[in-house]
Amino acid sequence: MIRSLDVPKEAVRLALTTREEEKELIAKLETMGAKAAAVDIGGNVSISITKILERALVASKRAGLIPEEYASEGAVMGAARDALMQILERSNNLNVGGKIGLVRMGEDIAVCIYVSIGLLHLNEFAIGIGHRTLSV
């Protein structure tokens, strides 16, 4: 059983996985009663803000984390926006590549965005996380 405080931890773990690890972690989370999804992102982060938020929303709907209703969509978008704002300061107007991890357990939903920021031949990394609650 996943506790409320574990939901964001699992979202971070999911955002840091490879594709193979992702499938295993999602299966493990599902056996514990959680739902999870992950989606890759990339491009100039300043230009791609809307696309990043849309990808988080679409992934959460496809994986069954949320139903198609206004409050649930708003929760995902709010948590994704919070996570994105945390990485924007370090990555503004730069190209990024990374992954969004989304985990829902009961009333808790967490969104983690992990990116590698391209700076010539040097790479920086950033991570952001957002959390919301929804009625079951």
C-alpha atoms as a PDB file:
ATOM      1  CA  MET A   1       0.000   0.000   0.000  1.00  0.00           C
ATOM      2  CA  ILE A   2       1.297   3.420  -0.956  1.00  0.00           C
ATOM      3  CA  ARG A   3       0.822   6.212   1.582  1.00  0.00           C
ATOM      4  CA  SER A   4       0.060   9.799   0.631  1.00  0.00           C
ATOM      5  CA  LEU A   5       3.674  10.871   1.130  1.00  0.00           C
ATOM      6  CA  ASP A   6       4.917   8.081  -1.136  1.00  0.00           C
ATOM      7  CA  VAL A   7       2.976   9.228  -4.211  1.00  0.00           C
ATOM      8  CA  PRO A   8       5.387  12.083  -5.081  1.00  0.00           C
ATOM      9  CA  LYS A   9       8.385   9.800  -4.415  1.00  0.00           C
ATOM     10  CA  GLU A  10       7.042   7.283  -6.897  1.00  0.00           C
ATOM     11  CA  ALA A  11       6.459  10.045  -9.481  1.00  0.00           C
ATOM     12  CA  VAL A  12      10.128  11.026  -9.153  1.00  0.00           C
ATOM     13  CA  ARG A  13      11.228   7.391  -9.520  1.00  0.00           C
ATOM     14  CA  LEU A  14       9.058   7.030 -12.616  1.00  0.00           C
ATOM     15  CA  ALA A  15      10.443  10.196 -14.244  1.00  0.00           C
ATOM     16  CA  LEU A  16      13.990   8.871 -13.773  1.00  0.00           C
ATOM     17  CA  THR A  17      13.428   5.468 -15.383  1.00  0.00           C
ATOM     18  CA  THR A  18      14.425   4.068 -18.740  1.00  0.00           C
ATOM     19  CA  ARG A  19      11.618   2.680 -20.937  1.00  0.00           C
ATOM     20  CA  GLU A  20      12.225  -0.866 -19.675  1.00  0.00           C
ATOM     21  CA  GLU A  21      12.342   0.220 -16.027  1.00  0.00           C
ATOM     22  CA  GLU A  22       9.249   2.353 -16.583  1.00  0.00           C
ATOM     23  CA  LYS A  23       7.110  -0.632 -17.583  1.00  0.00           C
ATOM     24  CA  GLU A  24       8.281  -2.622 -14.556  1.00  0.00           C
ATOM     25  CA  LEU A  25       7.650   0.250 -12.134  1.00  0.00           C
ATOM     26  CA  ILE A  26       4.179   0.955 -13.546  1.00  0.00           C
ATOM     27  CA  ALA A  27       3.278  -2.739 -13.191  1.00  0.00           C
ATOM     28  CA  LYS A  28       4.588  -2.746  -9.608  1.00  0.00           C
ATOM     29  CA  LEU A  29       2.627   0.407  -8.728  1.00  0.00           C
ATOM     30  CA  GLU A  30      -0.542  -1.077 -10.203  1.00  0.00           C
ATOM     31  CA  THR A  31      -0.207  -4.143  -7.965  1.00  0.00           C
ATOM     32  CA  MET A  32      -0.173  -1.731  -5.008  1.00  0.00           C
ATOM     33  CA  GLY A  33      -3.363  -0.030  -6.144  1.00  0.00           C
ATOM     34  CA  ALA A  34      -1.825   3.007  -7.841  1.00  0.00           C
ATOM     35  CA  LYS A  35      -2.094   4.162 -11.430  1.00  0.00           C
ATOM     36  CA  ALA A  36       0.893   5.602 -13.248  1.00  0.00           C
ATOM     37  CA  ALA A  37       1.976   6.992 -16.590  1.00  0.00           C
ATOM     38  CA  ALA A  38       5.097   8.450 -18.129  1.00  0.00           C
ATOM     39  CA  VAL A  39       5.735  10.494 -21.247  1.00  0.00           C
ATOM     40  CA  ASP A  40       8.871  11.855 -22.928  1.00  0.00           C
ATOM     41  CA  ILE A  41       9.306  15.564 -23.562  1.00  0.00           C
ATOM     42  CA  GLY A  42      11.829  17.638 -25.459  1.00  0.00           C
ATOM     43  CA  GLY A  43      12.573  20.870 -27.267  1.00  0.00           C
ATOM     44  CA  ASN A  44      12.939  24.509 -26.315  1.00  0.00           C
ATOM     45  CA  VAL A  45      11.230  24.621 -22.961  1.00  0.00           C
ATOM     46  CA  SER A  46      10.037  28.223 -23.275  1.00  0.00           C
ATOM     47  CA  ILE A  47       8.274  27.540 -26.569  1.00  0.00           C
ATOM     48  CA  SER A  48       7.027  24.100 -25.460  1.00  0.00           C
ATOM     49  CA  ILE A  49       5.257  24.977 -22.190  1.00  0.00           C
ATOM     50  CA  THR A  50       1.786  24.352 -23.597  1.00  0.00           C
ATOM     51  CA  LYS A  51       2.846  21.103 -25.279  1.00  0.00           C
ATOM     52  CA  ILE A  52       4.459  19.818 -22.077  1.00  0.00           C
ATOM     53  CA  LEU A  53       1.279  20.500 -20.098  1.00  0.00           C
ATOM     54  CA  GLU A  54      -0.838  18.879 -22.805  1.00  0.00           C
ATOM     55  CA  ARG A  55       1.373  15.770 -22.826  1.00  0.00           C
ATOM     56  CA  ALA A  56       0.940  15.386 -19.075  1.00  0.00           C
ATOM     57  CA  LEU A  57      -2.834  15.707 -19.396  1.00  0.00           C
ATOM     58  CA  VAL A  58      -3.145  13.289 -22.326  1.00  0.00           C
ATOM     59  CA  ALA A  59      -0.901  10.698 -20.625  1.00  0.00           C
ATOM     60  CA  SER A  60      -2.933  10.882 -17.414  1.00  0.00           C
ATOM     61  CA  LYS A  61      -6.201  10.349 -19.301  1.00  0.00           C
ATOM     62  CA  ARG A  62      -4.820   7.491 -21.436  1.00  0.00           C
ATOM     63  CA  ALA A  63      -3.514   5.630 -18.409  1.00  0.00           C
ATOM     64  CA  GLY A  64      -6.770   6.088 -16.505  1.00  0.00           C
ATOM     65  CA  LEU A  65      -5.296   8.257 -13.751  1.00  0.00           C
ATOM     66  CA  ILE A  66      -8.172  10.698 -14.104  1.00  0.00           C
ATOM     67  CA  PRO A  67     -11.613  10.729 -15.684  1.00  0.00           C
ATOM     68  CA  GLU A  68     -12.501  13.305 -18.311  1.00  0.00           C
ATOM     69  CA  GLU A  69     -13.865  15.930 -15.983  1.00  0.00           C
ATOM     70  CA  TYR A  70     -12.996  19.522 -15.323  1.00  0.00           C
ATOM     71  CA  ALA A  71     -11.725  19.196 -11.738  1.00  0.00           C
ATOM     72  CA  SER A  72      -9.482  16.212 -12.505  1.00  0.00           C
ATOM     73  CA  GLU A  73      -8.005  17.836 -15.598  1.00  0.00           C
ATOM     74  CA  GLY A  74      -7.389  21.004 -13.591  1.00  0.00           C
ATOM     75  CA  ALA A  75      -5.584  19.051 -10.892  1.00  0.00           C
ATOM     76  CA  VAL A  76      -3.222  17.439 -13.391  1.00  0.00           C
ATOM     77  CA  MET A  77      -2.606  20.725 -15.192  1.00  0.00           C
ATOM     78  CA  GLY A  78      -1.980  22.544 -11.903  1.00  0.00           C
ATOM     79  CA  ALA A  79       0.470  19.934 -10.629  1.00  0.00           C
ATOM     80  CA  ALA A  80       2.242  19.794 -14.011  1.00  0.00           C
ATOM     81  CA  ARG A  81       2.469  23.600 -14.116  1.00  0.00           C
ATOM     82  CA  ASP A  82       3.948  23.668 -10.597  1.00  0.00           C
ATOM     83  CA  ALA A  83       6.571  21.117 -11.637  1.00  0.00           C
ATOM     84  CA  LEU A  84       7.334  23.013 -14.829  1.00  0.00           C
ATOM     85  CA  MET A  85       7.782  26.351 -13.036  1.00  0.00           C
ATOM     86  CA  GLN A  86      10.436  24.736 -10.847  1.00  0.00           C
ATOM     87  CA  ILE A  87      12.592  23.825 -13.848  1.00  0.00           C
ATOM     88  CA  LEU A  88      11.984  26.943 -15.953  1.00  0.00           C
ATOM     89  CA  GLU A  89      14.452  29.168 -14.122  1.00  0.00           C
ATOM     90  CA  ARG A  90      17.338  26.850 -14.997  1.00  0.00           C
ATOM     91  CA  SER A  91      16.195  25.997 -18.500  1.00  0.00           C
ATOM     92  CA  ASN A  92      14.593  29.179 -19.868  1.00  0.00           C
ATOM     93  CA  ASN A  93      15.091  29.438 -23.671  1.00  0.00           C
ATOM     94  CA  LEU A  94      17.249  26.303 -23.730  1.00  0.00           C
ATOM     95  CA  ASN A  95      16.646  22.887 -25.254  1.00  0.00           C
ATOM     96  CA  VAL A  96      15.675  20.122 -22.885  1.00  0.00           C
ATOM     97  CA  GLY A  97      14.989  16.433 -23.116  1.00  0.00           C
ATOM     98  CA  GLY A  98      13.375  14.434 -20.386  1.00  0.00           C
ATOM     99  CA  LYS A  99      10.367  12.716 -18.981  1.00  0.00           C
ATOM    100  CA  ILE A 100       7.192  13.361 -17.048  1.00  0.00           C
ATOM    101  CA  GLY A 101       6.180  10.843 -14.391  1.00  0.00           C
ATOM    102  CA  LEU A 102       2.574  10.836 -13.152  1.00  0.00           C
ATOM    103  CA  VAL A 103       1.287   8.747 -10.250  1.00  0.00           C
ATOM    104  CA  ARG A 104      -2.185   8.598  -8.702  1.00  0.00           C
ATOM    105  CA  MET A 105      -3.164   6.733  -5.570  1.00  0.00           C
ATOM    106  CA  GLY A 106      -6.560   7.395  -4.089  1.00  0.00           C
ATOM    107  CA  GLU A 107      -6.974  11.128  -3.678  1.00  0.00           C
ATOM    108  CA  ASP A 108      -3.321  11.997  -4.347  1.00  0.00           C
ATOM    109  CA  ILE A 109      -1.845  12.782  -7.747  1.00  0.00           C
ATOM    110  CA  ALA A 110       1.779  13.782  -8.291  1.00  0.00           C
ATOM    111  CA  VAL A 111       3.555  15.005 -11.404  1.00  0.00           C
ATOM    112  CA  CYS A 112       7.348  15.004 -11.710  1.00  0.00           C
ATOM    113  CA  ILE A 113       9.232  16.566 -14.609  1.00  0.00           C
ATOM    114  CA  TYR A 114      12.882  15.584 -15.038  1.00  0.00           C
ATOM    115  CA  VAL A 115      14.955  17.193 -17.797  1.00  0.00           C
ATOM    116  CA  SER A 116      18.472  17.302 -19.120  1.00  0.00           C
ATOM    117  CA  ILE A 117      19.300  20.837 -20.255  1.00  0.00           C
ATOM    118  CA  GLY A 118      21.567  21.187 -23.270  1.00  0.00           C
ATOM    119  CA  LEU A 119      24.371  23.714 -22.791  1.00  0.00           C
ATOM    120  CA  LEU A 120      26.911  23.154 -25.576  1.00  0.00           C
ATOM    121  CA  HIS A 121      28.697  19.946 -24.563  1.00  0.00           C
ATOM    122  CA  LEU A 122      27.790  20.372 -20.887  1.00  0.00           C
ATOM    123  CA  ASN A 123      24.520  19.053 -19.553  1.00  0.00           C
ATOM    124  CA  GLU A 124      22.617  20.443 -16.625  1.00  0.00           C
ATOM    125  CA  PHE A 125      19.739  18.638 -14.988  1.00  0.00           C
ATOM    126  CA  ALA A 126      16.593  19.878 -13.325  1.00  0.00           C
ATOM    127  CA  ILE A 127      13.658  18.291 -11.589  1.00  0.00           C
ATOM    128  CA  GLY A 128      10.313  19.716 -10.549  1.00  0.00           C
ATOM    129  CA  ILE A 129       7.363  18.195  -8.756  1.00  0.00           C
ATOM    130  CA  GLY A 130       3.747  19.125  -8.209  1.00  0.00           C
ATOM    131  CA  HIS A 131       1.007  17.539  -6.120  1.00  0.00           C
ATOM    132  CA  ARG A 132      -2.767  17.833  -5.938  1.00  0.00           C
ATOM    133  CA  THR A 133      -5.606  16.000  -4.257  1.00  0.00           C
ATOM    134  CA  LEU A 134      -8.837  14.894  -5.870  1.00  0.00           C
ATOM    135  CA  SER A 135     -11.921  13.337  -4.389  1.00  0.00           C
ATOM    136  CA  VAL A 136     -12.216   9.659  -5.249  1.00  0.00           C
END
